[in-house]
Protein backbone atom coordinates (compact mmCIF):
# COMPACT_ATOMS: atom_id res chain seq x y z
CA UNK A 1 -9.36 9.04 37.34
CA UNK A 2 -8.70 5.39 36.69
CA UNK A 3 -6.70 4.17 33.69
CA UNK A 4 -9.92 3.10 31.97
CA UNK A 5 -11.61 6.45 32.59
CA UNK A 6 -8.57 8.30 31.26
CA UNK A 7 -8.39 6.06 28.16
CA UNK A 8 -12.10 6.57 27.45
CA UNK A 9 -11.77 10.34 27.79
CA UNK A 10 -8.61 10.38 25.66
CA UNK A 11 -10.34 8.47 22.88
CA UNK A 12 -13.37 10.79 23.06
CA UNK A 13 -11.20 13.92 22.76
CA UNK A 14 -8.60 12.71 20.26
CA UNK A 15 -9.07 13.92 16.71
CA UNK A 16 -6.67 11.29 15.37
CA UNK A 17 -7.96 9.01 12.62
CA UNK A 18 -4.94 6.73 13.02
CA UNK A 19 -1.99 6.18 15.34
CA UNK A 20 1.67 5.43 14.69
CA UNK A 21 3.72 4.02 17.56
CA UNK A 22 7.47 3.45 17.35
CA UNK A 23 9.91 1.40 19.40
CA UNK A 24 13.39 -0.09 19.24
CA UNK A 25 13.97 -3.80 19.75
CA UNK A 26 17.40 -5.45 19.49
CA UNK A 27 18.85 -2.46 17.64
CA UNK A 28 16.06 -2.33 15.06
CA UNK A 29 13.41 0.39 14.74
CA UNK A 30 9.78 -0.73 14.42
CA UNK A 31 6.54 1.05 13.61
CA UNK A 32 2.97 0.11 14.54
CA UNK A 33 0.28 1.79 12.45
CA UNK A 34 -3.27 1.28 13.64
CA UNK A 35 -6.78 2.74 13.46
CA UNK A 36 -7.30 2.26 17.19
CA UNK A 37 -5.40 1.89 20.44
CA UNK A 38 -6.48 -1.74 20.75
CA UNK A 39 -3.25 -3.41 19.47
CA UNK A 40 -1.17 -1.44 21.98
CA UNK A 41 -3.67 -1.31 24.85
CA UNK A 42 -1.56 -3.56 27.11
CA UNK A 43 1.35 -1.14 26.66
CA UNK A 44 -0.56 1.94 27.83
CA UNK A 45 0.31 2.42 31.48
CA UNK A 46 -1.01 4.67 34.20
CA UNK A 47 1.70 6.64 35.95
CA UNK A 48 2.26 9.91 37.75
CA UNK A 49 3.83 13.14 36.64
CA UNK A 50 6.57 14.51 38.88
CA UNK A 51 5.49 16.59 41.84
CA UNK A 52 7.19 19.57 40.17
CA UNK A 53 4.73 19.16 37.28
CA UNK A 54 1.72 18.77 39.59
CA UNK A 55 1.75 15.06 40.35
CA UNK A 56 -1.19 14.40 38.05
CA UNK A 57 -1.97 10.90 36.80
CA UNK A 58 -0.74 10.33 33.25
CA UNK A 59 -1.14 7.80 30.47
CA UNK A 60 1.99 6.78 28.64
CA UNK A 61 2.83 4.16 26.10
CA UNK A 62 5.59 1.84 27.29
CA UNK A 63 6.42 -1.29 25.33
CA UNK A 64 8.01 -4.10 27.35
CA UNK A 65 9.91 -6.89 25.55
CA UNK A 66 6.90 -9.20 25.66
CA UNK A 67 4.69 -6.61 23.91
CA UNK A 68 7.39 -5.85 21.33
CA UNK A 69 7.84 -9.56 20.57
CA UNK A 70 4.07 -10.07 20.26
CA UNK A 71 3.63 -7.07 17.93
CA UNK A 72 6.53 -8.21 15.74
CA UNK A 73 5.51 -11.88 15.61
CA UNK A 74 1.88 -10.99 14.78
CA UNK A 75 3.04 -8.78 11.92
CA UNK A 76 1.53 -5.66 13.50
CA UNK A 77 4.94 -4.03 13.97
CA UNK A 78 6.88 -3.33 10.78
CA UNK A 79 10.67 -3.00 10.77
CA UNK A 80 11.78 0.37 9.43
CA UNK A 81 15.50 -0.37 9.70
CA UNK A 82 18.35 0.10 12.13
CA UNK A 83 17.96 2.17 15.28
CA UNK A 84 20.47 4.60 13.74
CA UNK A 85 17.61 6.01 11.65
CA UNK A 86 16.88 8.10 14.74
CA UNK A 87 20.36 9.66 14.69
CA UNK A 88 19.62 13.25 13.77
CA UNK A 89 22.25 15.87 14.58
CA UNK A 90 20.11 18.27 16.58
CA UNK A 91 18.81 19.06 20.06
CA UNK A 92 15.59 17.03 19.89
CA UNK A 93 14.69 13.83 21.78
CA UNK A 94 14.07 10.35 20.35
CA UNK A 95 10.33 10.88 20.15
CA UNK A 96 10.82 14.02 18.10
CA UNK A 97 13.39 12.20 15.97
CA UNK A 98 10.86 9.42 15.34
CA UNK A 99 8.21 11.95 14.32
CA UNK A 100 10.78 13.63 12.05
CA UNK A 101 11.60 10.25 10.46
CA UNK A 102 7.92 9.45 9.80
CA UNK A 103 7.56 12.81 8.07
CA UNK A 104 10.72 12.13 6.01
CA UNK A 105 9.51 8.65 5.02
CA UNK A 106 6.25 10.18 3.80
CA UNK A 107 7.91 13.01 1.88
CA UNK A 108 6.73 15.71 4.26
CA UNK A 109 8.72 18.46 5.91
CA UNK A 110 8.82 18.17 9.72
CA UNK A 111 8.56 21.16 12.00
CA UNK A 112 8.53 20.78 15.78
CA UNK A 113 5.18 21.83 17.15
CA UNK A 114 3.11 21.52 20.29
CA UNK A 115 -0.34 21.03 18.80
CA UNK A 116 -2.39 18.97 21.29
CA UNK A 117 -4.06 15.66 20.42
CA UNK A 118 -7.54 17.20 20.69
CA UNK A 119 -6.73 19.87 18.03
CA UNK A 120 -4.90 17.97 15.27
CA UNK A 121 -2.71 14.99 14.48
CA UNK A 122 1.07 15.07 14.08
CA UNK A 123 0.95 14.36 10.34
CA UNK A 124 -1.70 14.11 7.63
CA UNK A 125 -1.51 11.03 5.42
CA UNK A 126 -4.05 10.50 2.64
CA UNK A 127 -6.33 13.04 4.34
CA UNK A 128 -6.17 11.24 7.71
CA UNK A 129 -4.82 12.80 10.90
CA UNK A 130 -2.17 10.54 12.43
CA UNK A 131 -0.94 10.81 16.02
CA UNK A 132 2.72 9.75 16.34
CA UNK A 133 4.16 8.45 19.62
CA UNK A 134 7.46 6.81 20.47
CA UNK A 135 8.11 4.32 23.26
CA UNK A 136 7.75 5.88 26.74
CA UNK A 137 5.83 8.91 25.42
CA UNK A 138 3.04 10.47 27.44
CA UNK A 139 -0.32 10.26 25.69
CA UNK A 140 -2.04 12.68 28.05
CA UNK A 141 -2.52 13.51 31.69
CA UNK A 142 -5.42 13.93 34.08
CA UNK A 143 -5.14 17.72 34.18
CA UNK A 144 -5.47 18.00 30.40
CA UNK A 145 -8.38 15.58 30.29
CA UNK A 146 -10.14 17.48 33.09
CA UNK A 147 -9.87 20.92 31.56
CA UNK A 148 -10.43 20.15 27.86
CA UNK A 149 -14.05 20.02 26.84
CA UNK A 150 -15.22 20.40 30.44
């Protein structure tokens, strides 16, 4: 599948009402909350999974410095504070720490889960399902898109 075909299929299958994307820029943590993928579309890249994982094409969000600067200067990205907000003393990765932080900031208890994007969001805010992704996170892959809803 091409990037555009994968994006179209991802958007068709996603149950998210909103998206929250996080990134670090010059030691500060930023959040982008949006109803669509449009503001971050130029940061969604087509890549490949490792051959050990099947070598499937994958979509991942990857913010370069130009995209970060644009999102900040346009007021789309909101500063949450210092990068140290992601310093949790546990075994989880930065993406999981970011998801944990968003839950904390919204007064909700975070529990690590593996619920897919086509089943539910990562958090419910004001009745809306929100998908949370941190810089360099995989949105989906070709195998998932091919087998879900086929």
